[in-house]
């Protein structure tokens, strides 16, 4: 997590320095949002509350937030770099040992995303509609998997997950939205779609698979 934060800070710092040296205006701000898709494929997970052996349950993350930097380019273009955080997790009930007992494993992790997007703006009075496209890096960190099973006097805690398949993955991003001024702030509501290249988590016999299609609704607050 610290390495990823350092990389994001270096990218924003380098881009800001370049923008200042080349007289390109730069805008910094925050992002808050709500994911609208589950992090795991609904067809491969059971409904919440169903913990039969071999099943997985998951839920849509409740929020996401982060920082952003936007750099103005010629021809109504802008380039935006974000650093976004969301908390993810899933639960499993899997056979454990040779006795046929069931182990209950709740798993949580931090999900970090760094998208870089080119934006094309159109001025319509006080509104500036835009479309954007680019690529994103996703990094999974701070995994905690706790195992509750018969025969253990206390829970067994691990800093990894048996379902972890790819800690880092890349994806393509596209979105649309509009920008308007409100006092000293510039507000940017936006809808984004991300298509990831590969799975971050894969459960036994394919019973858990990371959703490669991701939707997010974001609000940017720039200064």
C-alpha atoms as a PDB file:
ATOM      1  CA  UNK A   1       0.000   0.000   0.000  1.00  0.00           C
ATOM      2  CA  UNK A   2       2.815   2.405   0.853  1.00  0.00           C
ATOM      3  CA  UNK A   3       4.556   1.619  -2.446  1.00  0.00           C
ATOM      4  CA  UNK A   4       1.365   2.267  -4.397  1.00  0.00           C
ATOM      5  CA  UNK A   5       0.766   5.551  -2.582  1.00  0.00           C
ATOM      6  CA  UNK A   6       4.361   6.557  -3.354  1.00  0.00           C
ATOM      7  CA  UNK A   7       3.916   5.733  -7.038  1.00  0.00           C
ATOM      8  CA  UNK A   8       0.682   7.743  -7.234  1.00  0.00           C
ATOM      9  CA  UNK A   9       2.286  10.707  -5.438  1.00  0.00           C
ATOM     10  CA  UNK A  10       5.298  10.600  -7.775  1.00  0.00           C
ATOM     11  CA  UNK A  11       3.050  10.498 -10.864  1.00  0.00           C
ATOM     12  CA  UNK A  12       0.966  13.454  -9.670  1.00  0.00           C
ATOM     13  CA  UNK A  13       4.062  15.363  -8.600  1.00  0.00           C
ATOM     14  CA  UNK A  14       5.889  14.784 -11.876  1.00  0.00           C
ATOM     15  CA  UNK A  15       2.835  15.701 -13.938  1.00  0.00           C
ATOM     16  CA  UNK A  16       2.265  18.840 -11.846  1.00  0.00           C
ATOM     17  CA  UNK A  17       5.898  19.896 -12.249  1.00  0.00           C
ATOM     18  CA  UNK A  18       5.731  19.332 -16.009  1.00  0.00           C
ATOM     19  CA  UNK A  19       2.489  21.300 -16.225  1.00  0.00           C
ATOM     20  CA  UNK A  20       4.013  24.229 -14.323  1.00  0.00           C
ATOM     21  CA  UNK A  21       7.135  24.263 -16.472  1.00  0.00           C
ATOM     22  CA  UNK A  22       5.119  24.130 -19.700  1.00  0.00           C
ATOM     23  CA  UNK A  23       2.562  26.704 -18.458  1.00  0.00           C
ATOM     24  CA  UNK A  24      -0.288  24.179 -18.559  1.00  0.00           C
ATOM     25  CA  UNK A  25      -2.929  24.853 -15.868  1.00  0.00           C
ATOM     26  CA  UNK A  26      -3.352  22.033 -13.367  1.00  0.00           C
ATOM     27  CA  UNK A  27      -6.359  21.401 -11.109  1.00  0.00           C
ATOM     28  CA  UNK A  28      -6.235  19.244  -7.964  1.00  0.00           C
ATOM     29  CA  UNK A  29      -9.189  17.835  -6.088  1.00  0.00           C
ATOM     30  CA  UNK A  30     -11.009  14.912  -4.485  1.00  0.00           C
ATOM     31  CA  UNK A  31     -13.210  12.089  -5.728  1.00  0.00           C
ATOM     32  CA  UNK A  32     -16.079  10.431  -3.892  1.00  0.00           C
ATOM     33  CA  UNK A  33     -18.376   7.826  -5.338  1.00  0.00           C
ATOM     34  CA  UNK A  34     -20.486   4.705  -5.187  1.00  0.00           C
ATOM     35  CA  UNK A  35     -19.738   1.428  -7.006  1.00  0.00           C
ATOM     36  CA  UNK A  36     -22.819   0.154  -8.854  1.00  0.00           C
ATOM     37  CA  UNK A  37     -21.592  -3.375  -9.599  1.00  0.00           C
ATOM     38  CA  UNK A  38     -20.524  -6.220  -7.344  1.00  0.00           C
ATOM     39  CA  UNK A  39     -16.801  -6.966  -7.275  1.00  0.00           C
ATOM     40  CA  UNK A  40     -17.624 -10.639  -7.938  1.00  0.00           C
ATOM     41  CA  UNK A  41     -19.736 -12.322 -10.600  1.00  0.00           C
ATOM     42  CA  UNK A  42     -23.303 -12.753  -9.343  1.00  0.00           C
ATOM     43  CA  UNK A  43     -23.731 -15.986 -11.324  1.00  0.00           C
ATOM     44  CA  UNK A  44     -20.866 -17.587  -9.433  1.00  0.00           C
ATOM     45  CA  UNK A  45     -21.725 -16.476  -5.879  1.00  0.00           C
ATOM     46  CA  UNK A  46     -24.660 -17.312  -3.641  1.00  0.00           C
ATOM     47  CA  UNK A  47     -27.033 -14.854  -2.055  1.00  0.00           C
ATOM     48  CA  UNK A  48     -26.066 -13.245   1.240  1.00  0.00           C
ATOM     49  CA  UNK A  49     -27.003 -15.416   4.194  1.00  0.00           C
ATOM     50  CA  UNK A  50     -26.564 -18.728   2.315  1.00  0.00           C
ATOM     51  CA  UNK A  51     -23.471 -20.412   3.748  1.00  0.00           C
ATOM     52  CA  UNK A  52     -23.828 -23.982   2.489  1.00  0.00           C
ATOM     53  CA  UNK A  53     -20.515 -25.856   2.032  1.00  0.00           C
ATOM     54  CA  UNK A  54     -18.675 -24.702  -1.067  1.00  0.00           C
ATOM     55  CA  UNK A  55     -20.506 -21.371  -1.276  1.00  0.00           C
ATOM     56  CA  UNK A  56     -19.280 -17.782  -1.402  1.00  0.00           C
ATOM     57  CA  UNK A  57     -21.141 -14.581  -0.564  1.00  0.00           C
ATOM     58  CA  UNK A  58     -20.205 -11.006  -1.392  1.00  0.00           C
ATOM     59  CA  UNK A  59     -21.730  -7.542  -1.516  1.00  0.00           C
ATOM     60  CA  UNK A  60     -21.314  -4.328  -3.485  1.00  0.00           C
ATOM     61  CA  UNK A  61     -18.798  -1.996  -1.767  1.00  0.00           C
ATOM     62  CA  UNK A  62     -20.614   0.906  -0.113  1.00  0.00           C
ATOM     63  CA  UNK A  63     -18.278   3.746  -1.080  1.00  0.00           C
ATOM     64  CA  UNK A  64     -15.030   4.819  -2.734  1.00  0.00           C
ATOM     65  CA  UNK A  65     -12.926   7.954  -2.462  1.00  0.00           C
ATOM     66  CA  UNK A  66      -9.561   9.375  -3.455  1.00  0.00           C
ATOM     67  CA  UNK A  67      -7.611  12.258  -4.974  1.00  0.00           C
ATOM     68  CA  UNK A  68      -7.304  13.518  -8.543  1.00  0.00           C
ATOM     69  CA  UNK A  69      -5.189  15.794 -10.683  1.00  0.00           C
ATOM     70  CA  UNK A  70      -6.352  17.258 -14.004  1.00  0.00           C
ATOM     71  CA  UNK A  71      -4.081  18.870 -16.602  1.00  0.00           C
ATOM     72  CA  UNK A  72      -5.391  21.054 -19.408  1.00  0.00           C
ATOM     73  CA  UNK A  73      -4.210  20.264 -22.912  1.00  0.00           C
ATOM     74  CA  UNK A  74      -4.823  21.946 -26.296  1.00  0.00           C
ATOM     75  CA  UNK A  75      -7.923  21.267 -28.448  1.00  0.00           C
ATOM     76  CA  UNK A  76     -10.385  21.020 -25.499  1.00  0.00           C
ATOM     77  CA  UNK A  77      -8.520  18.010 -24.107  1.00  0.00           C
ATOM     78  CA  UNK A  78      -7.594  17.303 -20.506  1.00  0.00           C
ATOM     79  CA  UNK A  79      -5.656  14.505 -18.853  1.00  0.00           C
ATOM     80  CA  UNK A  80      -6.750  13.225 -15.446  1.00  0.00           C
ATOM     81  CA  UNK A  81      -4.951  10.945 -12.989  1.00  0.00           C
ATOM     82  CA  UNK A  82      -6.843   9.568  -9.979  1.00  0.00           C
ATOM     83  CA  UNK A  83      -5.967   7.508  -6.932  1.00  0.00           C
ATOM     84  CA  UNK A  84      -9.114   5.714  -5.688  1.00  0.00           C
ATOM     85  CA  UNK A  85      -9.711   3.474  -2.674  1.00  0.00           C
ATOM     86  CA  UNK A  86     -12.521   1.061  -1.867  1.00  0.00           C
ATOM     87  CA  UNK A  87     -12.910  -1.703   0.707  1.00  0.00           C
ATOM     88  CA  UNK A  88     -13.816  -5.162  -0.549  1.00  0.00           C
ATOM     89  CA  UNK A  89     -14.525  -8.588   0.856  1.00  0.00           C
ATOM     90  CA  UNK A  90     -16.301 -11.912   0.629  1.00  0.00           C
ATOM     91  CA  UNK A  91     -17.283 -14.799   2.909  1.00  0.00           C
ATOM     92  CA  UNK A  92     -16.898 -18.509   2.253  1.00  0.00           C
ATOM     93  CA  UNK A  93     -18.095 -21.755   3.777  1.00  0.00           C
ATOM     94  CA  UNK A  94     -15.818 -24.544   2.553  1.00  0.00           C
ATOM     95  CA  UNK A  95     -15.117 -28.169   3.555  1.00  0.00           C
ATOM     96  CA  UNK A  96     -12.221 -28.369   6.025  1.00  0.00           C
ATOM     97  CA  UNK A  97      -9.951 -31.325   6.836  1.00  0.00           C
ATOM     98  CA  UNK A  98     -10.833 -35.017   6.530  1.00  0.00           C
ATOM     99  CA  UNK A  99     -13.720 -34.970   9.005  1.00  0.00           C
ATOM    100  CA  UNK A 100     -16.163 -33.313   6.639  1.00  0.00           C
ATOM    101  CA  UNK A 101     -16.520 -30.233   8.847  1.00  0.00           C
ATOM    102  CA  UNK A 102     -17.048 -26.771   7.377  1.00  0.00           C
ATOM    103  CA  UNK A 103     -14.679 -23.827   7.759  1.00  0.00           C
ATOM    104  CA  UNK A 104     -16.173 -20.348   7.698  1.00  0.00           C
ATOM    105  CA  UNK A 105     -13.742 -17.787   6.210  1.00  0.00           C
ATOM    106  CA  UNK A 106     -14.563 -14.054   6.086  1.00  0.00           C
ATOM    107  CA  UNK A 107     -12.043 -12.185   3.911  1.00  0.00           C
ATOM    108  CA  UNK A 108     -11.439  -8.429   3.623  1.00  0.00           C
ATOM    109  CA  UNK A 109      -8.983  -6.425   1.544  1.00  0.00           C
ATOM    110  CA  UNK A 110      -8.114  -2.950   0.274  1.00  0.00           C
ATOM    111  CA  UNK A 111      -8.736  -2.224  -3.408  1.00  0.00           C
ATOM    112  CA  UNK A 112      -6.627   0.576  -4.963  1.00  0.00           C
ATOM    113  CA  UNK A 113      -7.159   1.923  -8.483  1.00  0.00           C
ATOM    114  CA  UNK A 114      -5.067   4.442 -10.452  1.00  0.00           C
ATOM    115  CA  UNK A 115      -6.852   5.424 -13.697  1.00  0.00           C
ATOM    116  CA  UNK A 116      -5.286   7.762 -16.258  1.00  0.00           C
ATOM    117  CA  UNK A 117      -7.873   9.317 -18.580  1.00  0.00           C
ATOM    118  CA  UNK A 118      -7.969  11.635 -21.584  1.00  0.00           C
ATOM    119  CA  UNK A 119     -11.061  13.885 -21.467  1.00  0.00           C
ATOM    120  CA  UNK A 120     -12.690  15.752 -24.346  1.00  0.00           C
ATOM    121  CA  UNK A 121     -14.762  18.752 -23.213  1.00  0.00           C
ATOM    122  CA  UNK A 122     -17.567  20.634 -24.967  1.00  0.00           C
ATOM    123  CA  UNK A 123     -18.582  24.061 -23.630  1.00  0.00           C
ATOM    124  CA  UNK A 124     -22.351  24.656 -23.367  1.00  0.00           C
ATOM    125  CA  UNK A 125     -22.771  27.801 -21.303  1.00  0.00           C
ATOM    126  CA  UNK A 126     -22.145  27.012 -17.640  1.00  0.00           C
ATOM    127  CA  UNK A 127     -21.932  23.265 -18.345  1.00  0.00           C
ATOM    128  CA  UNK A 128     -19.023  21.396 -19.909  1.00  0.00           C
ATOM    129  CA  UNK A 129     -20.099  17.890 -20.971  1.00  0.00           C
ATOM    130  CA  UNK A 130     -17.244  15.473 -21.564  1.00  0.00           C
ATOM    131  CA  UNK A 131     -16.338  11.938 -22.517  1.00  0.00           C
ATOM    132  CA  UNK A 132     -13.172  10.247 -21.275  1.00  0.00           C
ATOM    133  CA  UNK A 133     -11.180   7.100 -21.952  1.00  0.00           C
ATOM    134  CA  UNK A 134      -7.931   5.566 -20.775  1.00  0.00           C
ATOM    135  CA  UNK A 135      -6.463   2.770 -18.664  1.00  0.00           C
ATOM    136  CA  UNK A 136      -6.372   1.838 -14.983  1.00  0.00           C
ATOM    137  CA  UNK A 137      -4.167  -0.162 -12.608  1.00  0.00           C
ATOM    138  CA  UNK A 138      -5.779  -2.126  -9.765  1.00  0.00           C
ATOM    139  CA  UNK A 139      -3.778  -3.287  -6.733  1.00  0.00           C
ATOM    140  CA  UNK A 140      -5.053  -5.550  -3.926  1.00  0.00           C
ATOM    141  CA  UNK A 141      -3.441  -4.976  -0.501  1.00  0.00           C
ATOM    142  CA  UNK A 142      -3.931  -5.560   3.241  1.00  0.00           C
ATOM    143  CA  UNK A 143      -5.722  -8.893   2.876  1.00  0.00           C
ATOM    144  CA  UNK A 144      -7.119 -10.427   6.054  1.00  0.00           C
ATOM    145  CA  UNK A 145      -8.631 -13.922   5.935  1.00  0.00           C
ATOM    146  CA  UNK A 146      -9.937 -15.400   9.179  1.00  0.00           C
ATOM    147  CA  UNK A 147     -10.730 -19.111   9.497  1.00  0.00           C
ATOM    148  CA  UNK A 148     -13.286 -20.428  11.993  1.00  0.00           C
ATOM    149  CA  UNK A 149     -13.361 -24.236  12.121  1.00  0.00           C
ATOM    150  CA  UNK A 150     -14.047 -27.088  14.519  1.00  0.00           C
ATOM    151  CA  UNK A 151     -10.920 -28.179  16.363  1.00  0.00           C
ATOM    152  CA  UNK A 152      -9.457 -24.686  16.674  1.00  0.00           C
ATOM    153  CA  UNK A 153      -9.796 -22.999  20.039  1.00  0.00           C
ATOM    154  CA  UNK A 154      -9.403 -19.583  18.391  1.00  0.00           C
ATOM    155  CA  UNK A 155      -9.738 -18.086  14.928  1.00  0.00           C
ATOM    156  CA  UNK A 156      -6.795 -18.521  12.540  1.00  0.00           C
ATOM    157  CA  UNK A 157      -5.873 -15.198  10.883  1.00  0.00           C
ATOM    158  CA  UNK A 158      -3.861 -14.957   7.655  1.00  0.00           C
ATOM    159  CA  UNK A 159      -2.479 -11.944   5.762  1.00  0.00           C
ATOM    160  CA  UNK A 160      -3.237 -13.677   2.454  1.00  0.00           C
ATOM    161  CA  UNK A 161      -6.182 -15.454   0.817  1.00  0.00           C
ATOM    162  CA  UNK A 162      -6.245 -18.842  -0.859  1.00  0.00           C
ATOM    163  CA  UNK A 163      -8.481 -17.306  -3.562  1.00  0.00           C
ATOM    164  CA  UNK A 164      -5.984 -14.545  -4.501  1.00  0.00           C
ATOM    165  CA  UNK A 165      -5.124 -14.945  -8.189  1.00  0.00           C
ATOM    166  CA  UNK A 166      -3.648 -11.573  -9.292  1.00  0.00           C
ATOM    167  CA  UNK A 167      -2.624  -8.847  -6.876  1.00  0.00           C
ATOM    168  CA  UNK A 168      -2.146  -6.396  -9.779  1.00  0.00           C
ATOM    169  CA  UNK A 169      -4.194  -6.091 -12.961  1.00  0.00           C
ATOM    170  CA  UNK A 170      -4.865  -3.571 -15.717  1.00  0.00           C
ATOM    171  CA  UNK A 171      -8.067  -2.495 -17.433  1.00  0.00           C
ATOM    172  CA  UNK A 172      -9.582  -0.116 -19.966  1.00  0.00           C
ATOM    173  CA  UNK A 173     -11.801   2.755 -18.793  1.00  0.00           C
ATOM    174  CA  UNK A 174     -14.473   4.875 -20.511  1.00  0.00           C
ATOM    175  CA  UNK A 175     -16.942   7.354 -19.075  1.00  0.00           C
ATOM    176  CA  UNK A 176     -19.022  10.487 -19.508  1.00  0.00           C
ATOM    177  CA  UNK A 177     -20.205  13.376 -17.357  1.00  0.00           C
ATOM    178  CA  UNK A 178     -20.276  17.155 -17.102  1.00  0.00           C
ATOM    179  CA  UNK A 179     -18.468  19.908 -15.208  1.00  0.00           C
ATOM    180  CA  UNK A 180     -19.909  23.078 -13.675  1.00  0.00           C
ATOM    181  CA  UNK A 181     -18.803  25.769 -11.242  1.00  0.00           C
ATOM    182  CA  UNK A 182     -20.339  26.149  -7.776  1.00  0.00           C
ATOM    183  CA  UNK A 183     -18.712  28.986  -5.848  1.00  0.00           C
ATOM    184  CA  UNK A 184     -14.950  28.391  -5.584  1.00  0.00           C
ATOM    185  CA  UNK A 185     -15.352  24.709  -6.527  1.00  0.00           C
ATOM    186  CA  UNK A 186     -15.598  22.875  -9.818  1.00  0.00           C
ATOM    187  CA  UNK A 187     -17.972  19.894  -9.578  1.00  0.00           C
ATOM    188  CA  UNK A 188     -17.791  16.919 -11.936  1.00  0.00           C
ATOM    189  CA  UNK A 189     -20.472  14.196 -11.752  1.00  0.00           C
ATOM    190  CA  UNK A 190     -19.429  11.205 -13.865  1.00  0.00           C
ATOM    191  CA  UNK A 191     -20.355   7.619 -14.754  1.00  0.00           C
ATOM    192  CA  UNK A 192     -17.474   5.228 -15.543  1.00  0.00           C
ATOM    193  CA  UNK A 193     -17.145   1.751 -16.956  1.00  0.00           C
ATOM    194  CA  UNK A 194     -13.987  -0.354 -16.461  1.00  0.00           C
ATOM    195  CA  UNK A 195     -13.196  -3.656 -18.165  1.00  0.00           C
ATOM    196  CA  UNK A 196     -10.458  -5.555 -16.312  1.00  0.00           C
ATOM    197  CA  UNK A 197      -8.043  -7.841 -18.149  1.00  0.00           C
ATOM    198  CA  UNK A 198      -7.990 -10.707 -15.637  1.00  0.00           C
ATOM    199  CA  UNK A 199      -9.259 -12.007 -12.307  1.00  0.00           C
ATOM    200  CA  UNK A 200      -8.029 -10.745  -8.931  1.00  0.00           C
ATOM    201  CA  UNK A 201      -9.707 -13.589  -6.984  1.00  0.00           C
ATOM    202  CA  UNK A 202     -10.761 -17.077  -8.104  1.00  0.00           C
ATOM    203  CA  UNK A 203     -12.505 -19.545  -5.787  1.00  0.00           C
ATOM    204  CA  UNK A 204     -12.388 -23.321  -5.833  1.00  0.00           C
ATOM    205  CA  UNK A 205     -14.003 -24.883  -8.946  1.00  0.00           C
ATOM    206  CA  UNK A 206     -14.813 -21.393 -10.218  1.00  0.00           C
ATOM    207  CA  UNK A 207     -17.373 -20.807  -7.450  1.00  0.00           C
ATOM    208  CA  UNK A 208     -15.962 -17.296  -6.934  1.00  0.00           C
ATOM    209  CA  UNK A 209     -14.732 -15.105  -9.779  1.00  0.00           C
ATOM    210  CA  UNK A 210     -13.894 -11.408  -9.884  1.00  0.00           C
ATOM    211  CA  UNK A 211     -16.331  -9.415 -11.992  1.00  0.00           C
ATOM    212  CA  UNK A 212     -14.385  -8.141 -15.024  1.00  0.00           C
ATOM    213  CA  UNK A 213     -17.070  -5.507 -15.696  1.00  0.00           C
ATOM    214  CA  UNK A 214     -17.108  -2.606 -13.229  1.00  0.00           C
ATOM    215  CA  UNK A 215     -19.400   0.414 -13.011  1.00  0.00           C
ATOM    216  CA  UNK A 216     -18.902   3.483 -10.809  1.00  0.00           C
ATOM    217  CA  UNK A 217     -20.699   6.783 -10.222  1.00  0.00           C
ATOM    218  CA  UNK A 218     -18.262   9.492  -9.089  1.00  0.00           C
ATOM    219  CA  UNK A 219     -18.330  13.125  -8.026  1.00  0.00           C
ATOM    220  CA  UNK A 220     -15.170  15.178  -8.492  1.00  0.00           C
ATOM    221  CA  UNK A 221     -14.602  18.277  -6.334  1.00  0.00           C
ATOM    222  CA  UNK A 222     -11.778  20.403  -7.749  1.00  0.00           C
ATOM    223  CA  UNK A 223     -10.251  23.634  -6.483  1.00  0.00           C
END
